[in-house]
């Protein structure tokens, strides 16, 4: 079973977004360079074709970047919800949030919390606005802790 620390939840970033932005900027620079060179030498069609290929790749990477940003926004919202839940659990257990770990990166059913006081299950109300902590004893705990 995998548990994620509070610091992991608050500082976990998607580094692929930065790689995509770098690729997008590099393709844009190459496209501008090829297009300017084509405008200077209009008799050479090779640079027109290369600039069209580069523009197509640029649009593809731009589409992937927009898709990635939408999914990143959704993941950030879910991470904000789970960190707020961890903070509420920490207040109820009278411990610091940094000492808690949770078994998911988004809110949902069957959440388990690992604290210095033991393991707890979060049982949500039917509308999802409140939860109850239920102390558990794990029979065979094989815990993997993911830290930042």
C-alpha atoms as a PDB file:
ATOM      1  CA  UNK A   1       0.000   0.000   0.000  1.00  0.00           C
ATOM      2  CA  UNK A   2       1.386   3.422  -0.963  1.00  0.00           C
ATOM      3  CA  UNK A   3       1.068   6.461   1.279  1.00  0.00           C
ATOM      4  CA  UNK A   4       1.910  10.024   0.235  1.00  0.00           C
ATOM      5  CA  UNK A   5       3.274  12.545   2.706  1.00  0.00           C
ATOM      6  CA  UNK A   6       1.773  15.996   3.114  1.00  0.00           C
ATOM      7  CA  UNK A   7       4.941  17.618   1.765  1.00  0.00           C
ATOM      8  CA  UNK A   8       4.723  15.437  -1.364  1.00  0.00           C
ATOM      9  CA  UNK A   9       1.120  16.511  -1.933  1.00  0.00           C
ATOM     10  CA  UNK A  10       1.905  20.206  -1.567  1.00  0.00           C
ATOM     11  CA  UNK A  11       5.114  20.289  -3.629  1.00  0.00           C
ATOM     12  CA  UNK A  12       4.485  17.658  -6.299  1.00  0.00           C
ATOM     13  CA  UNK A  13       4.861  19.314  -9.708  1.00  0.00           C
ATOM     14  CA  UNK A  14       4.610  18.000 -13.202  1.00  0.00           C
ATOM     15  CA  UNK A  15       8.051  18.594 -14.767  1.00  0.00           C
ATOM     16  CA  UNK A  16       6.841  17.479 -18.200  1.00  0.00           C
ATOM     17  CA  UNK A  17       5.014  20.784 -18.469  1.00  0.00           C
ATOM     18  CA  UNK A  18       8.339  22.603 -18.401  1.00  0.00           C
ATOM     19  CA  UNK A  19       9.796  20.285 -21.048  1.00  0.00           C
ATOM     20  CA  UNK A  20       6.793  20.904 -23.309  1.00  0.00           C
ATOM     21  CA  UNK A  21       7.099  24.664 -22.863  1.00  0.00           C
ATOM     22  CA  UNK A  22      10.806  24.459 -23.733  1.00  0.00           C
ATOM     23  CA  UNK A  23      10.026  22.394 -26.825  1.00  0.00           C
ATOM     24  CA  UNK A  24       7.317  24.851 -27.824  1.00  0.00           C
ATOM     25  CA  UNK A  25       9.711  27.804 -27.549  1.00  0.00           C
ATOM     26  CA  UNK A  26      12.436  25.969 -29.481  1.00  0.00           C
ATOM     27  CA  UNK A  27      10.018  25.069 -32.290  1.00  0.00           C
ATOM     28  CA  UNK A  28       8.765  28.644 -32.424  1.00  0.00           C
ATOM     29  CA  UNK A  29      12.328  29.963 -32.789  1.00  0.00           C
ATOM     30  CA  UNK A  30      13.118  27.426 -35.522  1.00  0.00           C
ATOM     31  CA  UNK A  31       9.879  28.263 -37.337  1.00  0.00           C
ATOM     32  CA  UNK A  32      10.561  32.008 -37.240  1.00  0.00           C
ATOM     33  CA  UNK A  33      14.140  31.459 -38.440  1.00  0.00           C
ATOM     34  CA  UNK A  34      13.077  29.234 -41.344  1.00  0.00           C
ATOM     35  CA  UNK A  35      10.238  31.543 -42.335  1.00  0.00           C
ATOM     36  CA  UNK A  36      12.477  34.621 -42.327  1.00  0.00           C
ATOM     37  CA  UNK A  37      15.092  32.761 -44.374  1.00  0.00           C
ATOM     38  CA  UNK A  38      12.359  31.728 -46.836  1.00  0.00           C
ATOM     39  CA  UNK A  39      11.180  35.339 -47.171  1.00  0.00           C
ATOM     40  CA  UNK A  40      14.743  36.439 -47.946  1.00  0.00           C
ATOM     41  CA  UNK A  41      15.276  33.707 -50.534  1.00  0.00           C
ATOM     42  CA  UNK A  42      11.866  33.104 -52.085  1.00  0.00           C
ATOM     43  CA  UNK A  43      13.328  31.165 -54.942  1.00  0.00           C
ATOM     44  CA  UNK A  44      14.342  28.337 -52.575  1.00  0.00           C
ATOM     45  CA  UNK A  45      11.197  26.288 -51.851  1.00  0.00           C
ATOM     46  CA  UNK A  46      13.066  23.972 -49.461  1.00  0.00           C
ATOM     47  CA  UNK A  47      12.781  26.513 -46.633  1.00  0.00           C
ATOM     48  CA  UNK A  48       9.069  26.992 -47.281  1.00  0.00           C
ATOM     49  CA  UNK A  49       8.520  23.240 -46.883  1.00  0.00           C
ATOM     50  CA  UNK A  50      10.662  23.112 -43.741  1.00  0.00           C
ATOM     51  CA  UNK A  51       8.779  26.046 -42.226  1.00  0.00           C
ATOM     52  CA  UNK A  52       5.438  24.341 -42.968  1.00  0.00           C
ATOM     53  CA  UNK A  53       6.654  21.122 -41.299  1.00  0.00           C
ATOM     54  CA  UNK A  54       7.917  23.098 -38.306  1.00  0.00           C
ATOM     55  CA  UNK A  55       4.605  25.006 -38.067  1.00  0.00           C
ATOM     56  CA  UNK A  56       2.731  21.692 -38.073  1.00  0.00           C
ATOM     57  CA  UNK A  57       4.928  20.350 -35.266  1.00  0.00           C
ATOM     58  CA  UNK A  58       4.465  23.628 -33.412  1.00  0.00           C
ATOM     59  CA  UNK A  59       0.682  23.305 -33.604  1.00  0.00           C
ATOM     60  CA  UNK A  60       0.877  19.678 -32.449  1.00  0.00           C
ATOM     61  CA  UNK A  61       3.008  20.559 -29.420  1.00  0.00           C
ATOM     62  CA  UNK A  62       0.750  23.535 -28.688  1.00  0.00           C
ATOM     63  CA  UNK A  63      -2.276  21.228 -28.683  1.00  0.00           C
ATOM     64  CA  UNK A  64      -0.505  18.823 -26.339  1.00  0.00           C
ATOM     65  CA  UNK A  65       0.464  21.728 -24.091  1.00  0.00           C
ATOM     66  CA  UNK A  66      -3.127  22.972 -23.874  1.00  0.00           C
ATOM     67  CA  UNK A  67      -4.327  19.449 -23.097  1.00  0.00           C
ATOM     68  CA  UNK A  68      -1.611  19.123 -20.459  1.00  0.00           C
ATOM     69  CA  UNK A  69      -2.539  22.442 -18.881  1.00  0.00           C
ATOM     70  CA  UNK A  70      -6.181  21.394 -18.593  1.00  0.00           C
ATOM     71  CA  UNK A  71      -5.229  18.130 -16.903  1.00  0.00           C
ATOM     72  CA  UNK A  72      -2.718  19.970 -14.681  1.00  0.00           C
ATOM     73  CA  UNK A  73      -5.452  22.378 -13.600  1.00  0.00           C
ATOM     74  CA  UNK A  74      -7.714  19.439 -12.702  1.00  0.00           C
ATOM     75  CA  UNK A  75      -4.901  17.703 -10.800  1.00  0.00           C
ATOM     76  CA  UNK A  76      -4.086  20.924  -8.929  1.00  0.00           C
ATOM     77  CA  UNK A  77      -7.707  21.258  -7.872  1.00  0.00           C
ATOM     78  CA  UNK A  78      -7.806  17.653  -6.645  1.00  0.00           C
ATOM     79  CA  UNK A  79      -4.499  18.095  -4.819  1.00  0.00           C
ATOM     80  CA  UNK A  80      -5.886  21.202  -3.123  1.00  0.00           C
ATOM     81  CA  UNK A  81      -8.897  19.203  -1.958  1.00  0.00           C
ATOM     82  CA  UNK A  82      -6.783  16.369  -0.556  1.00  0.00           C
ATOM     83  CA  UNK A  83      -4.394  18.741   1.249  1.00  0.00           C
ATOM     84  CA  UNK A  84      -7.371  20.508   2.834  1.00  0.00           C
ATOM     85  CA  UNK A  85      -8.638  17.103   3.972  1.00  0.00           C
ATOM     86  CA  UNK A  86      -5.228  16.266   5.459  1.00  0.00           C
ATOM     87  CA  UNK A  87      -5.252  19.592   7.307  1.00  0.00           C
ATOM     88  CA  UNK A  88      -8.706  18.862   8.756  1.00  0.00           C
ATOM     89  CA  UNK A  89      -7.602  15.390   9.855  1.00  0.00           C
ATOM     90  CA  UNK A  90      -4.492  16.899  11.471  1.00  0.00           C
ATOM     91  CA  UNK A  91      -6.671  19.322  13.456  1.00  0.00           C
ATOM     92  CA  UNK A  92      -8.902  16.468  14.652  1.00  0.00           C
ATOM     93  CA  UNK A  93      -5.938  14.309  15.644  1.00  0.00           C
ATOM     94  CA  UNK A  94      -4.016  17.256  17.145  1.00  0.00           C
ATOM     95  CA  UNK A  95      -0.887  16.642  15.078  1.00  0.00           C
ATOM     96  CA  UNK A  96       0.925  18.675  12.442  1.00  0.00           C
ATOM     97  CA  UNK A  97      -0.119  17.946   8.831  1.00  0.00           C
ATOM     98  CA  UNK A  98       3.523  17.163   7.985  1.00  0.00           C
ATOM     99  CA  UNK A  99       3.334  14.085  10.223  1.00  0.00           C
ATOM    100  CA  UNK A 100       0.400  12.585   8.298  1.00  0.00           C
ATOM    101  CA  UNK A 101       0.401  10.453   5.155  1.00  0.00           C
ATOM    102  CA  UNK A 102      -2.577   9.507   2.992  1.00  0.00           C
ATOM    103  CA  UNK A 103      -3.043   6.658   0.517  1.00  0.00           C
ATOM    104  CA  UNK A 104      -4.336   8.745  -2.434  1.00  0.00           C
ATOM    105  CA  UNK A 105      -3.544  11.976  -4.235  1.00  0.00           C
ATOM    106  CA  UNK A 106      -7.194  12.898  -4.788  1.00  0.00           C
ATOM    107  CA  UNK A 107     -10.293  12.757  -2.658  1.00  0.00           C
ATOM    108  CA  UNK A 108     -12.566   9.773  -2.934  1.00  0.00           C
ATOM    109  CA  UNK A 109     -13.848   6.842  -0.977  1.00  0.00           C
ATOM    110  CA  UNK A 110     -11.699   4.467   1.054  1.00  0.00           C
ATOM    111  CA  UNK A 111      -9.038   6.964   2.092  1.00  0.00           C
ATOM    112  CA  UNK A 112      -6.604   5.769   4.719  1.00  0.00           C
ATOM    113  CA  UNK A 113      -4.496   8.083   6.865  1.00  0.00           C
ATOM    114  CA  UNK A 114      -1.248   7.082   8.524  1.00  0.00           C
ATOM    115  CA  UNK A 115      -0.437   9.139  11.606  1.00  0.00           C
ATOM    116  CA  UNK A 116       1.870   8.720  14.580  1.00  0.00           C
ATOM    117  CA  UNK A 117      -1.233   7.667  16.538  1.00  0.00           C
ATOM    118  CA  UNK A 118      -2.098   4.838  14.131  1.00  0.00           C
ATOM    119  CA  UNK A 119      -4.072   4.244  10.948  1.00  0.00           C
ATOM    120  CA  UNK A 120      -7.443   5.851  10.281  1.00  0.00           C
ATOM    121  CA  UNK A 121     -10.097   5.491   7.619  1.00  0.00           C
ATOM    122  CA  UNK A 122     -12.041   8.510   6.400  1.00  0.00           C
ATOM    123  CA  UNK A 123     -15.745   7.765   6.043  1.00  0.00           C
ATOM    124  CA  UNK A 124     -17.446  10.547   4.103  1.00  0.00           C
ATOM    125  CA  UNK A 125     -21.064  11.596   4.505  1.00  0.00           C
ATOM    126  CA  UNK A 126     -23.462  10.965   1.620  1.00  0.00           C
ATOM    127  CA  UNK A 127     -23.018  14.503   0.234  1.00  0.00           C
ATOM    128  CA  UNK A 128     -19.243  14.449   0.747  1.00  0.00           C
ATOM    129  CA  UNK A 129     -19.155  17.576   2.878  1.00  0.00           C
ATOM    130  CA  UNK A 130     -17.996  15.940   6.116  1.00  0.00           C
ATOM    131  CA  UNK A 131     -16.162  12.852   7.238  1.00  0.00           C
ATOM    132  CA  UNK A 132     -15.681  10.679  10.290  1.00  0.00           C
ATOM    133  CA  UNK A 133     -12.347   9.220  11.352  1.00  0.00           C
ATOM    134  CA  UNK A 134     -12.403   5.546  12.179  1.00  0.00           C
ATOM    135  CA  UNK A 135      -9.330   3.990  13.811  1.00  0.00           C
ATOM    136  CA  UNK A 136      -8.077   0.835  12.092  1.00  0.00           C
ATOM    137  CA  UNK A 137      -5.632  -1.932  12.743  1.00  0.00           C
ATOM    138  CA  UNK A 138      -4.011  -3.197   9.562  1.00  0.00           C
ATOM    139  CA  UNK A 139      -3.518  -6.955   9.502  1.00  0.00           C
ATOM    140  CA  UNK A 140      -0.480  -7.088   7.225  1.00  0.00           C
ATOM    141  CA  UNK A 141       0.766  -3.552   6.591  1.00  0.00           C
ATOM    142  CA  UNK A 142       3.200  -3.392   3.701  1.00  0.00           C
ATOM    143  CA  UNK A 143       3.606   0.345   3.498  1.00  0.00           C
ATOM    144  CA  UNK A 144       5.511   2.276   0.863  1.00  0.00           C
ATOM    145  CA  UNK A 145       5.939   5.934   1.804  1.00  0.00           C
ATOM    146  CA  UNK A 146       6.344   8.459  -1.037  1.00  0.00           C
ATOM    147  CA  UNK A 147       8.162  11.611   0.078  1.00  0.00           C
ATOM    148  CA  UNK A 148       9.189  14.744  -1.784  1.00  0.00           C
END
